[in-house]
Amino acid sequence: MSRNPSDDAAEAREELASLVDELMTRLSPSSLAAQAGDTARQTGEDIKEFVTTRDISGDTDGSRARNVKIALGAGAAVVGLIALKIIRK
């Protein structure tokens, strides 16, 4: 038995509406802010773990270790620039 085209259209409309709702939720400013906060907290915890143990547990793809190294490098650069500014005075 073949499907009715209007049933297909209604199903496609429902799927599209669901997708739009999901995208609006993911891209809302409050959702993005919460995600950024979670990432910052996780990076802070990872920095502490990396400095004390030289390893990050649960980092299967290496992205968390990369983020820690970037954060530590950026921190070192800021400290270096501040020291340079103080020395040049």
C-alpha atoms as a PDB file:
ATOM      1  CA  MET A   1       0.000   0.000   0.000  1.00  0.00           C
ATOM      2  CA  SER A   2       1.447   3.366  -0.979  1.00  0.00           C
ATOM      3  CA  ARG A   3       1.674   6.306   1.372  1.00  0.00           C
ATOM      4  CA  ASN A   4      -0.389   9.407   0.946  1.00  0.00           C
ATOM      5  CA  PRO A   5       1.708  12.442  -0.173  1.00  0.00           C
ATOM      6  CA  SER A   6      -0.025  14.657   2.372  1.00  0.00           C
ATOM      7  CA  ASP A   7       1.067  12.250   5.127  1.00  0.00           C
ATOM      8  CA  ASP A   8       4.651  12.511   3.870  1.00  0.00           C
ATOM      9  CA  ALA A   9       4.415  16.306   3.851  1.00  0.00           C
ATOM     10  CA  ALA A  10       3.008  16.379   7.384  1.00  0.00           C
ATOM     11  CA  GLU A  11       5.765  14.082   8.616  1.00  0.00           C
ATOM     12  CA  ALA A  12       8.432  16.192   6.924  1.00  0.00           C
ATOM     13  CA  ARG A  13       6.896  19.346   8.440  1.00  0.00           C
ATOM     14  CA  GLU A  14       7.017  17.816  11.930  1.00  0.00           C
ATOM     15  CA  GLU A  15      10.639  16.748  11.491  1.00  0.00           C
ATOM     16  CA  LEU A  16      11.586  20.216  10.261  1.00  0.00           C
ATOM     17  CA  ALA A  17       9.797  21.906  13.166  1.00  0.00           C
ATOM     18  CA  SER A  18      11.601  19.614  15.610  1.00  0.00           C
ATOM     19  CA  LEU A  19      14.954  20.402  13.988  1.00  0.00           C
ATOM     20  CA  VAL A  20      14.314  24.153  14.102  1.00  0.00           C
ATOM     21  CA  ASP A  21      13.360  23.925  17.798  1.00  0.00           C
ATOM     22  CA  GLU A  22      16.530  21.982  18.559  1.00  0.00           C
ATOM     23  CA  LEU A  23      18.711  24.492  16.694  1.00  0.00           C
ATOM     24  CA  MET A  24      17.061  27.434  18.446  1.00  0.00           C
ATOM     25  CA  THR A  25      17.749  25.793  21.808  1.00  0.00           C
ATOM     26  CA  ARG A  26      21.371  25.010  20.953  1.00  0.00           C
ATOM     27  CA  LEU A  27      22.051  28.500  19.607  1.00  0.00           C
ATOM     28  CA  SER A  28      20.254  30.527  22.256  1.00  0.00           C
ATOM     29  CA  PRO A  29      22.539  32.969  24.103  1.00  0.00           C
ATOM     30  CA  SER A  30      21.799  31.367  27.478  1.00  0.00           C
ATOM     31  CA  SER A  31      22.612  27.904  26.130  1.00  0.00           C
ATOM     32  CA  LEU A  32      25.854  29.135  24.547  1.00  0.00           C
ATOM     33  CA  ALA A  33      26.825  30.948  27.769  1.00  0.00           C
ATOM     34  CA  ALA A  34      26.180  27.812  29.809  1.00  0.00           C
ATOM     35  CA  GLN A  35      28.249  25.765  27.374  1.00  0.00           C
ATOM     36  CA  ALA A  36      31.121  28.288  27.563  1.00  0.00           C
ATOM     37  CA  GLY A  37      30.973  28.196  31.360  1.00  0.00           C
ATOM     38  CA  ASP A  38      31.053  24.407  31.377  1.00  0.00           C
ATOM     39  CA  THR A  39      34.037  24.421  29.012  1.00  0.00           C
ATOM     40  CA  ALA A  40      35.902  26.965  31.153  1.00  0.00           C
ATOM     41  CA  ARG A  41      35.239  24.954  34.325  1.00  0.00           C
ATOM     42  CA  GLN A  42      36.352  21.729  32.643  1.00  0.00           C
ATOM     43  CA  THR A  43      39.522  23.396  31.337  1.00  0.00           C
ATOM     44  CA  GLY A  44      40.310  24.711  34.818  1.00  0.00           C
ATOM     45  CA  GLU A  45      39.894  21.241  36.306  1.00  0.00           C
ATOM     46  CA  ASP A  46      41.986  19.762  33.491  1.00  0.00           C
ATOM     47  CA  ILE A  47      44.780  22.305  34.083  1.00  0.00           C
ATOM     48  CA  LYS A  48      44.893  21.356  37.754  1.00  0.00           C
ATOM     49  CA  GLU A  49      44.981  17.640  36.888  1.00  0.00           C
ATOM     50  CA  PHE A  50      47.590  18.127  34.150  1.00  0.00           C
ATOM     51  CA  VAL A  51      49.897  20.170  36.390  1.00  0.00           C
ATOM     52  CA  THR A  52      49.699  17.677  39.258  1.00  0.00           C
ATOM     53  CA  THR A  53      49.732  14.372  37.336  1.00  0.00           C
ATOM     54  CA  ARG A  54      50.913  15.234  33.801  1.00  0.00           C
ATOM     55  CA  ASP A  55      47.883  13.347  32.495  1.00  0.00           C
ATOM     56  CA  ILE A  56      44.195  13.993  31.918  1.00  0.00           C
ATOM     57  CA  SER A  57      41.942  11.059  32.687  1.00  0.00           C
ATOM     58  CA  GLY A  58      39.145  10.415  30.231  1.00  0.00           C
ATOM     59  CA  ASP A  59      40.722  12.413  27.398  1.00  0.00           C
ATOM     60  CA  THR A  60      40.186   9.909  24.613  1.00  0.00           C
ATOM     61  CA  ASP A  61      40.846  12.156  21.624  1.00  0.00           C
ATOM     62  CA  GLY A  62      43.487  14.511  23.055  1.00  0.00           C
ATOM     63  CA  SER A  63      41.348  17.638  22.701  1.00  0.00           C
ATOM     64  CA  ARG A  64      41.272  18.372  26.430  1.00  0.00           C
ATOM     65  CA  ALA A  65      45.059  18.069  26.670  1.00  0.00           C
ATOM     66  CA  ARG A  66      45.357  20.418  23.696  1.00  0.00           C
ATOM     67  CA  ASN A  67      43.057  22.941  25.390  1.00  0.00           C
ATOM     68  CA  VAL A  68      45.145  22.772  28.573  1.00  0.00           C
ATOM     69  CA  LYS A  69      48.360  23.392  26.646  1.00  0.00           C
ATOM     70  CA  ILE A  70      46.789  26.340  24.821  1.00  0.00           C
ATOM     71  CA  ALA A  71      45.518  27.829  28.092  1.00  0.00           C
ATOM     72  CA  LEU A  72      48.900  27.381  29.799  1.00  0.00           C
ATOM     73  CA  GLY A  73      50.689  28.874  26.782  1.00  0.00           C
ATOM     74  CA  ALA A  74      48.342  31.863  26.717  1.00  0.00           C
ATOM     75  CA  GLY A  75      48.853  32.367  30.443  1.00  0.00           C
ATOM     76  CA  ALA A  76      52.631  32.235  30.026  1.00  0.00           C
ATOM     77  CA  ALA A  77      52.418  34.757  27.175  1.00  0.00           C
ATOM     78  CA  VAL A  78      50.396  37.159  29.321  1.00  0.00           C
ATOM     79  CA  VAL A  79      52.876  36.836  32.191  1.00  0.00           C
ATOM     80  CA  GLY A  80      55.746  37.411  29.753  1.00  0.00           C
ATOM     81  CA  LEU A  81      54.119  40.532  28.307  1.00  0.00           C
ATOM     82  CA  ILE A  82      53.448  41.933  31.760  1.00  0.00           C
ATOM     83  CA  ALA A  83      57.055  41.262  32.794  1.00  0.00           C
ATOM     84  CA  LEU A  84      58.298  42.925  29.602  1.00  0.00           C
ATOM     85  CA  LYS A  85      56.103  45.963  30.264  1.00  0.00           C
ATOM     86  CA  ILE A  86      57.416  46.241  33.819  1.00  0.00           C
ATOM     87  CA  ILE A  87      61.072  45.869  32.723  1.00  0.00           C
ATOM     88  CA  ARG A  88      60.732  48.575  30.047  1.00  0.00           C
ATOM     89  CA  LYS A  89      59.442  51.196  32.507  1.00  0.00           C
END
